[in-house]
């Protein structure tokens, strides 16, 4: 918490990045807490614990979808 405007922007970009997995974000939240993420997305206390799940599904939904292998059968 108490981040500058630039730090808030970078934290938002970090959460929205397609290269960062939801598991990595959850690991960081376990280590450092969710307060800065909530502040970066203008979620004020008291916030629901599910706000992080909402953000992860919104910005990292492709990690939650079933993906099938792309194979081609050649005769």
N, C-alpha and C. Protein backbone atom coordinates (compact mmCIF):
# COMPACT_ATOMS: atom_id res chain seq x y z
N UNK A 1 0.84 -1.18 0.00
CA UNK A 1 0.00 0.00 0.00
C UNK A 1 0.89 1.24 0.00
N UNK A 2 0.29 2.38 -0.29
CA UNK A 2 1.05 3.61 -0.34
C UNK A 2 1.94 3.70 -1.56
N UNK A 3 1.50 3.08 -2.66
CA UNK A 3 2.30 3.09 -3.88
C UNK A 3 2.09 4.38 -4.66
N UNK A 4 3.09 4.74 -5.44
CA UNK A 4 2.94 5.91 -6.31
C UNK A 4 2.03 5.55 -7.49
N UNK A 5 1.68 6.55 -8.27
CA UNK A 5 0.82 6.33 -9.42
C UNK A 5 1.49 5.41 -10.44
N UNK A 6 2.78 5.58 -10.64
CA UNK A 6 3.52 4.71 -11.56
C UNK A 6 3.56 3.27 -11.06
N UNK A 7 3.75 3.10 -9.76
CA UNK A 7 3.77 1.75 -9.19
C UNK A 7 2.41 1.09 -9.29
N UNK A 8 1.34 1.86 -9.09
CA UNK A 8 -0.01 1.31 -9.28
C UNK A 8 -0.20 0.84 -10.71
N UNK A 9 0.26 1.65 -11.67
CA UNK A 9 0.13 1.29 -13.08
C UNK A 9 0.90 0.01 -13.39
N UNK A 10 2.12 -0.10 -12.86
CA UNK A 10 2.93 -1.30 -13.10
C UNK A 10 2.30 -2.54 -12.46
N UNK A 11 1.70 -2.37 -11.31
CA UNK A 11 1.03 -3.50 -10.66
C UNK A 11 -0.20 -3.94 -11.47
N UNK A 12 -0.93 -2.99 -12.02
CA UNK A 12 -2.06 -3.33 -12.89
C UNK A 12 -1.57 -4.07 -14.13
N UNK A 13 -0.49 -3.59 -14.74
CA UNK A 13 0.08 -4.26 -15.91
C UNK A 13 0.55 -5.67 -15.57
N UNK A 14 1.10 -5.85 -14.39
CA UNK A 14 1.55 -7.16 -13.94
C UNK A 14 0.37 -8.13 -13.86
N UNK A 15 -0.73 -7.69 -13.27
CA UNK A 15 -1.91 -8.55 -13.14
C UNK A 15 -2.52 -8.82 -14.51
N UNK A 16 -2.52 -7.86 -15.40
CA UNK A 16 -3.14 -8.02 -16.71
C UNK A 16 -2.25 -8.75 -17.71
N UNK A 17 -1.00 -8.96 -17.40
CA UNK A 17 -0.07 -9.60 -18.33
C UNK A 17 -0.48 -11.05 -18.60
N UNK A 18 -0.45 -11.43 -19.87
CA UNK A 18 -0.80 -12.80 -20.24
C UNK A 18 0.33 -13.77 -19.92
N UNK A 19 1.52 -13.27 -19.67
CA UNK A 19 2.66 -14.14 -19.40
C UNK A 19 2.73 -14.60 -17.95
N UNK A 20 2.04 -13.92 -17.05
CA UNK A 20 2.09 -14.23 -15.63
C UNK A 20 0.92 -15.15 -15.29
N UNK A 21 1.19 -16.29 -14.68
CA UNK A 21 0.13 -17.24 -14.37
C UNK A 21 -0.62 -16.85 -13.10
N UNK A 22 -1.88 -17.29 -12.98
CA UNK A 22 -2.63 -17.02 -11.76
C UNK A 22 -1.98 -17.64 -10.52
N UNK A 23 -1.34 -18.78 -10.68
CA UNK A 23 -0.67 -19.43 -9.55
C UNK A 23 0.47 -18.57 -9.03
N UNK A 24 1.19 -17.91 -9.93
CA UNK A 24 2.29 -17.04 -9.50
C UNK A 24 1.74 -15.83 -8.74
N UNK A 25 0.65 -15.27 -9.24
CA UNK A 25 0.03 -14.12 -8.55
C UNK A 25 -0.44 -14.55 -7.16
N UNK A 26 -1.08 -15.71 -7.07
CA UNK A 26 -1.55 -16.19 -5.76
C UNK A 26 -0.39 -16.44 -4.81
N UNK A 27 0.71 -16.92 -5.33
CA UNK A 27 1.90 -17.13 -4.49
C UNK A 27 2.41 -15.81 -3.94
N UNK A 28 2.47 -14.79 -4.78
CA UNK A 28 2.91 -13.48 -4.31
C UNK A 28 1.95 -12.91 -3.28
N UNK A 29 0.65 -13.13 -3.48
CA UNK A 29 -0.34 -12.63 -2.52
C UNK A 29 -0.18 -13.35 -1.18
N UNK A 30 0.12 -14.64 -1.21
CA UNK A 30 0.35 -15.37 0.05
C UNK A 30 1.56 -14.81 0.79
N UNK A 31 2.59 -14.44 0.04
CA UNK A 31 3.81 -13.94 0.67
C UNK A 31 3.70 -12.49 1.13
N UNK A 32 3.05 -11.64 0.31
CA UNK A 32 3.08 -10.20 0.57
C UNK A 32 1.72 -9.58 0.89
N UNK A 33 0.65 -10.33 0.70
CA UNK A 33 -0.68 -9.81 1.00
C UNK A 33 -1.34 -9.15 -0.21
N UNK A 34 -2.67 -9.02 -0.17
CA UNK A 34 -3.42 -8.50 -1.31
C UNK A 34 -3.67 -6.99 -1.30
N UNK A 35 -3.19 -6.30 -0.29
CA UNK A 35 -3.54 -4.89 -0.12
C UNK A 35 -3.13 -4.01 -1.29
N UNK A 36 -1.92 -4.18 -1.80
CA UNK A 36 -1.45 -3.33 -2.89
C UNK A 36 -2.22 -3.60 -4.18
N UNK A 37 -2.56 -4.86 -4.44
CA UNK A 37 -3.34 -5.19 -5.62
C UNK A 37 -4.72 -4.56 -5.52
N UNK A 38 -5.33 -4.66 -4.35
CA UNK A 38 -6.65 -4.06 -4.15
C UNK A 38 -6.58 -2.54 -4.35
N UNK A 39 -5.56 -1.91 -3.83
CA UNK A 39 -5.42 -0.46 -3.97
C UNK A 39 -5.18 -0.07 -5.43
N UNK A 40 -4.40 -0.88 -6.17
CA UNK A 40 -4.12 -0.56 -7.57
C UNK A 40 -5.37 -0.62 -8.43
N UNK A 41 -6.31 -1.48 -8.07
CA UNK A 41 -7.56 -1.60 -8.82
C UNK A 41 -8.71 -0.85 -8.15
N UNK A 42 -8.35 0.06 -7.24
CA UNK A 42 -9.32 0.94 -6.56
C UNK A 42 -10.38 0.17 -5.78
N UNK A 43 -9.98 -0.95 -5.21
CA UNK A 43 -10.87 -1.72 -4.33
C UNK A 43 -10.50 -1.34 -2.91
N UNK A 44 -11.44 -0.73 -2.24
CA UNK A 44 -11.18 -0.20 -0.90
C UNK A 44 -11.61 -1.17 0.18
N UNK A 45 -10.90 -1.18 1.32
CA UNK A 45 -11.30 -2.04 2.42
C UNK A 45 -12.62 -1.57 3.02
N UNK A 46 -13.41 -2.41 3.57
CA UNK A 46 -13.23 -3.87 3.62
C UNK A 46 -13.59 -4.47 2.28
N UNK A 47 -12.72 -5.30 1.73
CA UNK A 47 -12.99 -5.92 0.45
C UNK A 47 -13.26 -7.40 0.63
N UNK A 48 -14.01 -7.92 -0.31
CA UNK A 48 -14.33 -9.35 -0.28
C UNK A 48 -13.06 -10.14 -0.61
N UNK A 49 -12.88 -11.28 0.03
CA UNK A 49 -11.72 -12.11 -0.30
C UNK A 49 -11.74 -12.61 -1.74
N UNK A 50 -12.90 -12.63 -2.35
CA UNK A 50 -13.02 -13.15 -3.72
C UNK A 50 -12.62 -12.12 -4.79
N UNK A 51 -12.22 -10.91 -4.39
CA UNK A 51 -11.86 -9.91 -5.40
C UNK A 51 -10.67 -10.38 -6.23
N UNK A 52 -9.74 -11.11 -5.62
CA UNK A 52 -8.59 -11.59 -6.36
C UNK A 52 -9.00 -12.64 -7.39
N UNK A 53 -9.91 -13.53 -7.02
CA UNK A 53 -10.42 -14.51 -7.97
C UNK A 53 -11.08 -13.82 -9.16
N UNK A 54 -11.85 -12.78 -8.88
CA UNK A 54 -12.50 -12.03 -9.95
C UNK A 54 -11.46 -11.44 -10.90
N UNK A 55 -10.44 -10.80 -10.36
CA UNK A 55 -9.40 -10.19 -11.20
C UNK A 55 -8.66 -11.25 -12.01
N UNK A 56 -8.34 -12.37 -11.38
CA UNK A 56 -7.62 -13.41 -12.09
C UNK A 56 -8.44 -14.02 -13.22
N UNK A 57 -9.72 -14.25 -12.97
CA UNK A 57 -10.57 -14.80 -14.03
C UNK A 57 -10.80 -13.76 -15.14
N UNK A 58 -10.85 -12.51 -14.78
CA UNK A 58 -11.06 -11.48 -15.78
C UNK A 58 -9.85 -11.30 -16.69
N UNK A 59 -8.67 -11.22 -16.11
CA UNK A 59 -7.48 -10.92 -16.89
C UNK A 59 -6.66 -12.15 -17.28
N UNK A 60 -6.92 -13.26 -16.64
CA UNK A 60 -6.15 -14.47 -16.92
C UNK A 60 -7.06 -15.66 -17.20
N UNK A 61 -8.20 -15.39 -17.81
CA UNK A 61 -9.19 -16.43 -18.08
C UNK A 61 -8.67 -17.54 -18.96
N UNK A 62 -7.72 -17.24 -19.84
CA UNK A 62 -7.21 -18.28 -20.73
C UNK A 62 -6.49 -19.38 -19.96
N UNK A 63 -6.02 -19.12 -18.75
CA UNK A 63 -5.39 -20.16 -17.94
C UNK A 63 -6.43 -21.13 -17.37
N UNK A 64 -7.70 -20.71 -17.28
CA UNK A 64 -8.74 -21.52 -16.67
C UNK A 64 -9.53 -22.34 -17.69
N UNK A 65 -9.36 -22.05 -18.97
CA UNK A 65 -10.11 -22.76 -20.00
C UNK A 65 -9.45 -24.09 -20.31
N UNK A 66 -10.29 -25.06 -20.71
CA UNK A 66 -9.77 -26.34 -21.13
C UNK A 66 -9.06 -26.17 -22.46
N UNK A 67 -7.83 -26.64 -22.50
CA UNK A 67 -7.07 -26.56 -23.74
C UNK A 67 -6.77 -27.97 -24.21
N UNK A 68 -7.07 -28.20 -25.46
CA UNK A 68 -6.82 -29.50 -26.05
C UNK A 68 -5.54 -29.43 -26.87
N UNK A 69 -4.83 -30.53 -26.94
CA UNK A 69 -3.59 -30.52 -27.73
C UNK A 69 -3.89 -30.30 -29.21
N UNK A 70 -3.02 -29.60 -29.86
CA UNK A 70 -3.19 -29.35 -31.28
C UNK A 70 -2.33 -30.36 -32.03
N UNK A 71 -2.98 -31.41 -32.49
CA UNK A 71 -2.29 -32.43 -33.27
C UNK A 71 -3.02 -32.63 -34.58
N UNK A 72 -2.28 -33.03 -35.57
CA UNK A 72 -2.86 -33.30 -36.88
C UNK A 72 -2.55 -34.74 -37.26
N UNK A 73 -3.57 -35.46 -37.67
CA UNK A 73 -3.38 -36.84 -38.11
C UNK A 73 -3.01 -36.82 -39.57
N UNK A 74 -1.90 -37.44 -39.91
CA UNK A 74 -1.43 -37.48 -41.29
C UNK A 74 -1.47 -38.94 -41.75
N UNK A 75 -2.08 -39.13 -42.90
CA UNK A 75 -2.14 -40.50 -43.47
C UNK A 75 -0.92 -40.80 -44.28
